[in-house]
Each structure stands twice: as structure tokens, then as C-alpha cells.
Amino acid sequence: MIRHWLGNLALCAALLGGPVAAMAQEYDEGIDYQRISPPQPTASADKVEVVELFWYGCPHCHQLEPLLHEWLEKQPDHVEFVRLPALLNPNWELLTRAYITADLLGVVDEVHTDLFDRIHVKRDRSLHSEDGLAAFFAEHGVDEQKFRETFHSFATMTRVNQSKLMSRRYGVNGVPTIIVNGKYRANASMAGGTHEGMLRVVDHLIEKEYEAMSPATADAQQ
């Protein structure tokens, strides 16, 4: 089990292997970010959608979390943030189900950060199993039977399949990756090897997309 766990880290580590470079004020397509072809639909036409693809087992996703929380506090109303658990490997499915279950039960705010910390700070290997996750959710006030019913529900499986599909459609090969408005893909490797650089690129892409909105839409958001 541990061997599989460590092997999976290569997918998320790959995005942070690029050389560190000085960040410029201007960002270039194909260098600092990539265009998604074809572009993918978003949930809202009057907001700039930002999708974070992550996996609880990825240490780089865990490191991004505090920076992402700070970044989100500064975002304007025209930014719509969405978390999407990536599914790039069958061994990732257990923790993908864990996030989806938390979302369906309405307890993401209660468990999200703690689950990351339990895996990467406390090294709690029990969370590699359904029983361990059930106990973890119970610690956060979720009835064990309710957890298991949701964990195995049709709604959860539908969203697991959606995570797998969208990971492929977005062209993601590692995490964390951020998608802006279904059109652009950014990661740390293309941003000088830092999460801060990636978020600066995302800010640039948000502004680019917001400026491209129709004048009526932009005026309504102000």
C-alpha cells in the first residue's frame, strides 16, 4: 500500500521540477500558461471560473492550501472558485471519493484542511482506507452509516466519473493545476517552480478573461 502511495507522488511532483526563473510582468501563452483546446464549458457566463484540481495525497497541494486561502480572500465577486479532485490514477479514487462525499454531505469546510494535515503532517496511514476515512468523518460529526451510504452512492460515483473525465479534458498530467474559465491551464512548473508564481499567472488570466466580457456584463459586476 505504501509503495503505491509513494509512487503516486511522481504525478504531483512533476509539476514542481522546473527551474526557478524570475517572474516578468507580462505572461506568454505556451510559456507561463497553456491554452486548453477545445475550451471547456463553465457554470456561469457572468463570472470568471477558477478550478483547482488537487489530490489529498499530493504534498504540493497541501503546501498550496494556505496560500490559496489567502489568495481567495482577495478575489473580487466576479471570480467563481471551484475545487475539483483530480483523478489521474486509479489509486487516487479513494481520496477523490472522500472529497466528493464531504461536499455532498456539506462538510467540506469542516474536513478539508484537517484531512490534508492528517495525511501530510500527522502521517495518518489509516486514511488510506474506507474504514479510516469513516472514523475521520465521525470525528467531525458525520454519522458513520451516513458516510458509507454517501461514499458508495450513485451521486458520488457520477462525480467520480466526472472528475476522471474533466481531468482528461483539461489536459492535466499533475497537480496542483488551476484552470481559468475553461480556457487556460496554469501550474507551478510553468511559473518558475513556485505556487506564488502560479497564482500570479492565474491573476493575470482572470483579468484577461474579465476584460473580455461584454461591457454589459462587466458593468453589472461593478
Protein backbone atom coordinates (compact mmCIF):
# COMPACT_ATOMS: atom_id res chain seq x y z
CA MET A 1 0.00 0.00 0.00
CA ILE A 2 2.80 2.44 0.96
CA ARG A 3 4.69 1.63 -2.22
CA HIS A 4 1.64 2.59 -4.29
CA TRP A 5 1.23 5.78 -2.26
CA LEU A 6 4.80 6.91 -2.80
CA GLY A 7 4.70 6.01 -6.48
CA ASN A 8 1.68 8.22 -6.99
CA LEU A 9 3.59 11.27 -5.73
CA ALA A 10 5.51 11.40 -9.00
CA LEU A 11 2.44 12.75 -10.77
CA CYS A 12 2.11 15.73 -8.46
CA ALA A 13 5.85 16.28 -8.00
CA ALA A 14 6.39 16.50 -11.75
CA LEU A 15 4.86 19.95 -11.89
CA LEU A 16 7.38 21.46 -9.48
CA GLY A 17 10.51 20.23 -11.21
CA GLY A 18 11.07 23.22 -13.49
CA PRO A 19 13.93 25.66 -12.99
CA VAL A 20 13.29 28.77 -10.93
CA ALA A 21 13.08 31.84 -13.11
CA ALA A 22 12.45 35.49 -12.46
CA MET A 23 8.82 36.42 -12.90
CA ALA A 24 8.04 39.00 -15.55
CA GLN A 25 5.14 41.43 -15.59
CA GLU A 26 3.89 40.00 -18.86
CA TYR A 27 2.92 36.37 -19.30
CA ASP A 28 3.15 34.44 -22.51
CA GLU A 29 0.91 31.63 -23.71
CA GLY A 30 2.83 28.39 -24.10
CA ILE A 31 5.47 29.52 -21.61
CA ASP A 32 3.70 30.76 -18.48
CA TYR A 33 0.39 29.03 -19.14
CA GLN A 34 -1.25 26.82 -21.75
CA ARG A 35 -4.43 27.16 -23.75
CA ILE A 36 -6.94 24.33 -23.43
CA SER A 37 -8.18 23.03 -26.77
CA PRO A 38 -11.06 22.79 -27.11
CA PRO A 39 -12.11 25.16 -24.30
CA GLN A 40 -14.38 23.58 -21.71
CA PRO A 41 -17.78 24.94 -20.61
CA THR A 42 -18.14 26.80 -17.33
CA ALA A 43 -21.03 27.00 -14.91
CA SER A 44 -21.59 30.76 -15.20
CA ALA A 45 -21.33 33.13 -18.14
CA ASP A 46 -21.09 36.25 -15.97
CA LYS A 47 -18.20 35.15 -13.76
CA VAL A 48 -14.62 34.06 -14.36
CA GLU A 49 -14.47 30.44 -13.22
CA VAL A 50 -11.29 29.25 -11.49
CA VAL A 51 -11.00 25.49 -10.97
CA GLU A 52 -8.35 23.99 -8.69
CA LEU A 53 -7.50 20.38 -9.48
CA PHE A 54 -5.93 18.69 -6.47
CA TRP A 55 -5.43 15.35 -4.72
CA TYR A 56 -5.30 14.92 -0.96
CA GLY A 57 -2.26 12.65 -1.29
CA CYS A 58 -0.19 15.32 -3.06
CA PRO A 59 2.25 17.19 -0.78
CA HIS A 60 2.41 20.13 -3.18
CA CYS A 61 -1.39 20.52 -3.00
CA HIS A 62 -1.06 20.56 0.78
CA GLN A 63 1.63 23.25 0.58
CA LEU A 64 -0.58 25.33 -1.71
CA GLU A 65 -3.54 25.35 0.70
CA PRO A 66 -2.57 28.27 3.00
CA LEU A 67 -1.51 30.39 0.02
CA LEU A 68 -4.75 29.58 -1.74
CA HIS A 69 -6.82 30.58 1.29
CA GLU A 70 -5.07 33.96 1.40
CA TRP A 71 -5.47 34.38 -2.34
CA LEU A 72 -9.20 33.59 -2.22
CA GLU A 73 -9.81 36.25 0.41
CA LYS A 74 -8.62 38.89 -2.07
CA GLN A 75 -10.71 37.79 -5.06
CA PRO A 76 -13.50 40.04 -6.39
CA ASP A 77 -17.12 38.99 -6.79
CA HIS A 78 -16.70 38.19 -10.47
CA VAL A 79 -14.44 35.22 -9.64
CA GLU A 80 -16.12 31.84 -9.08
CA PHE A 81 -13.81 29.34 -7.35
CA VAL A 82 -14.38 25.58 -7.71
CA ARG A 83 -12.44 22.67 -6.23
CA LEU A 84 -12.20 19.55 -8.36
CA PRO A 85 -10.45 16.43 -7.04
CA ALA A 86 -8.31 15.17 -9.90
CA LEU A 87 -8.41 11.51 -10.86
CA LEU A 88 -5.25 10.74 -12.84
CA ASN A 89 -4.58 7.30 -11.39
CA PRO A 90 -6.92 4.55 -10.15
CA ASN A 91 -5.12 4.66 -6.78
CA TRP A 92 -6.34 8.23 -6.33
CA GLU A 93 -10.02 7.25 -6.31
CA LEU A 94 -10.35 6.66 -2.56
CA LEU A 95 -9.40 10.23 -1.66
CA THR A 96 -11.33 11.62 -4.62
CA ARG A 97 -14.40 9.91 -3.15
CA ALA A 98 -13.55 11.40 0.24
CA TYR A 99 -13.76 14.98 -1.07
CA ILE A 100 -16.92 14.32 -3.06
CA THR A 101 -18.53 12.67 -0.04
CA ALA A 102 -17.64 15.67 2.10
CA ASP A 103 -19.11 18.01 -0.50
CA LEU A 104 -22.35 16.04 -0.80
CA LEU A 105 -22.68 15.97 2.99
CA GLY A 106 -21.96 19.69 3.25
CA VAL A 107 -18.90 19.30 5.50
CA VAL A 108 -16.04 20.42 3.23
CA ASP A 109 -15.27 23.43 5.44
CA GLU A 110 -15.02 21.14 8.47
CA VAL A 111 -12.83 18.39 6.99
CA HIS A 112 -10.84 19.77 4.04
CA THR A 113 -7.83 21.35 5.75
CA ASP A 114 -7.76 18.77 8.54
CA LEU A 115 -7.71 15.87 6.07
CA PHE A 116 -4.72 17.41 4.30
CA ASP A 117 -2.95 17.92 7.62
CA ARG A 118 -3.70 14.45 8.91
CA ILE A 119 -2.17 12.93 5.79
CA HIS A 120 0.89 15.16 5.40
CA VAL A 121 1.65 16.41 8.91
CA LYS A 122 0.49 13.58 11.17
CA ARG A 123 1.20 10.90 8.52
CA ASP A 124 -2.02 9.10 9.39
CA ARG A 125 -1.92 5.97 7.22
CA SER A 126 -5.40 4.92 8.35
CA LEU A 127 -6.78 7.44 5.86
CA HIS A 128 -5.73 5.14 3.03
CA SER A 129 -8.79 3.00 3.77
CA GLU A 130 -12.55 3.46 3.80
CA ASP A 131 -12.69 2.44 7.46
CA GLY A 132 -10.11 5.06 8.36
CA LEU A 133 -11.99 7.74 6.44
CA ALA A 134 -15.26 6.74 8.12
CA ALA A 135 -13.61 7.17 11.53
CA PHE A 136 -12.14 10.52 10.46
CA PHE A 137 -15.52 11.81 9.28
CA ALA A 138 -17.11 10.56 12.52
CA GLU A 139 -14.63 12.73 14.44
CA HIS A 140 -16.12 15.67 12.53
CA GLY A 141 -19.71 14.82 13.44
CA VAL A 142 -20.71 12.69 10.43
CA ASP A 143 -22.67 9.54 11.22
CA GLU A 144 -20.68 6.50 10.04
CA GLN A 145 -23.62 4.88 8.24
CA LYS A 146 -24.42 8.16 6.51
CA PHE A 147 -20.79 8.48 5.44
CA ARG A 148 -20.70 4.96 3.97
CA GLU A 149 -24.03 5.38 2.19
CA THR A 150 -22.82 8.60 0.57
CA PHE A 151 -19.35 7.23 -0.14
CA HIS A 152 -20.92 4.42 -2.22
CA SER A 153 -23.87 6.38 -3.61
CA PHE A 154 -24.78 6.84 -7.25
CA ALA A 155 -24.26 10.61 -6.85
CA THR A 156 -20.70 10.03 -5.65
CA MET A 157 -19.90 7.62 -8.48
CA THR A 158 -21.31 10.07 -11.01
CA ARG A 159 -19.00 12.78 -9.74
CA VAL A 160 -16.02 10.40 -9.59
CA ASN A 161 -16.55 9.73 -13.28
CA GLN A 162 -16.88 13.46 -13.90
CA SER A 163 -13.56 14.08 -12.12
CA LYS A 164 -11.90 11.49 -14.32
CA LEU A 165 -13.45 12.97 -17.46
CA MET A 166 -12.62 16.60 -16.66
CA SER A 167 -9.06 15.77 -15.63
CA ARG A 168 -8.63 14.39 -19.13
CA ARG A 169 -10.49 17.20 -20.91
CA TYR A 170 -8.47 19.85 -19.11
CA GLY A 171 -5.29 18.08 -20.23
CA VAL A 172 -3.99 17.76 -16.69
CA ASN A 173 -0.98 15.49 -16.06
CA GLY A 174 -0.18 16.52 -12.49
CA VAL A 175 -1.48 18.51 -9.54
CA PRO A 176 -1.99 21.14 -8.35
CA THR A 177 -3.23 22.65 -11.60
CA ILE A 178 -5.52 25.66 -11.94
CA ILE A 179 -7.93 26.14 -14.84
CA VAL A 180 -9.16 29.64 -15.69
CA ASN A 181 -12.55 29.96 -17.36
CA GLY A 182 -12.23 26.59 -19.08
CA LYS A 183 -9.65 28.11 -21.45
CA TYR A 184 -6.27 28.21 -19.73
CA ARG A 185 -4.19 25.81 -17.66
CA ALA A 186 -1.58 27.01 -15.15
CA ASN A 187 0.76 25.14 -12.84
CA ALA A 188 3.89 25.84 -10.81
CA SER A 189 6.26 24.27 -13.32
CA MET A 190 5.38 26.93 -15.89
CA ALA A 191 5.52 29.70 -13.29
CA GLY A 192 9.13 29.47 -12.18
CA GLY A 193 8.54 26.46 -9.94
CA THR A 194 6.58 28.31 -7.25
CA HIS A 195 2.97 28.33 -6.10
CA GLU A 196 3.14 32.11 -5.68
CA GLY A 197 4.17 32.43 -9.32
CA MET A 198 1.31 30.20 -10.41
CA LEU A 199 -1.21 32.36 -8.55
CA ARG A 200 0.21 35.50 -10.18
CA VAL A 201 -0.30 33.89 -13.58
CA VAL A 202 -3.86 32.99 -12.56
CA ASP A 203 -4.48 36.61 -11.56
CA HIS A 204 -3.29 37.70 -14.99
CA LEU A 205 -5.61 35.21 -16.71
CA ILE A 206 -8.57 36.26 -14.57
CA GLU A 207 -8.03 39.87 -15.56
CA LYS A 208 -7.65 38.86 -19.20
CA GLU A 209 -10.96 36.98 -19.12
CA TYR A 210 -12.78 39.69 -17.19
CA GLU A 211 -11.72 42.32 -19.69
CA ALA A 212 -13.01 40.08 -22.48
CA MET A 213 -16.52 40.03 -21.01
CA SER A 214 -19.15 42.10 -22.77
CA PRO A 215 -19.40 45.70 -21.50
CA ALA A 216 -22.89 44.99 -20.13
CA THR A 217 -21.68 42.02 -18.12
CA ALA A 218 -18.64 43.86 -16.82
CA ASP A 219 -20.73 46.90 -15.85
CA ALA A 220 -23.20 44.68 -13.98
CA GLN A 221 -20.36 43.21 -11.91
CA GLN A 222 -19.07 46.61 -10.80
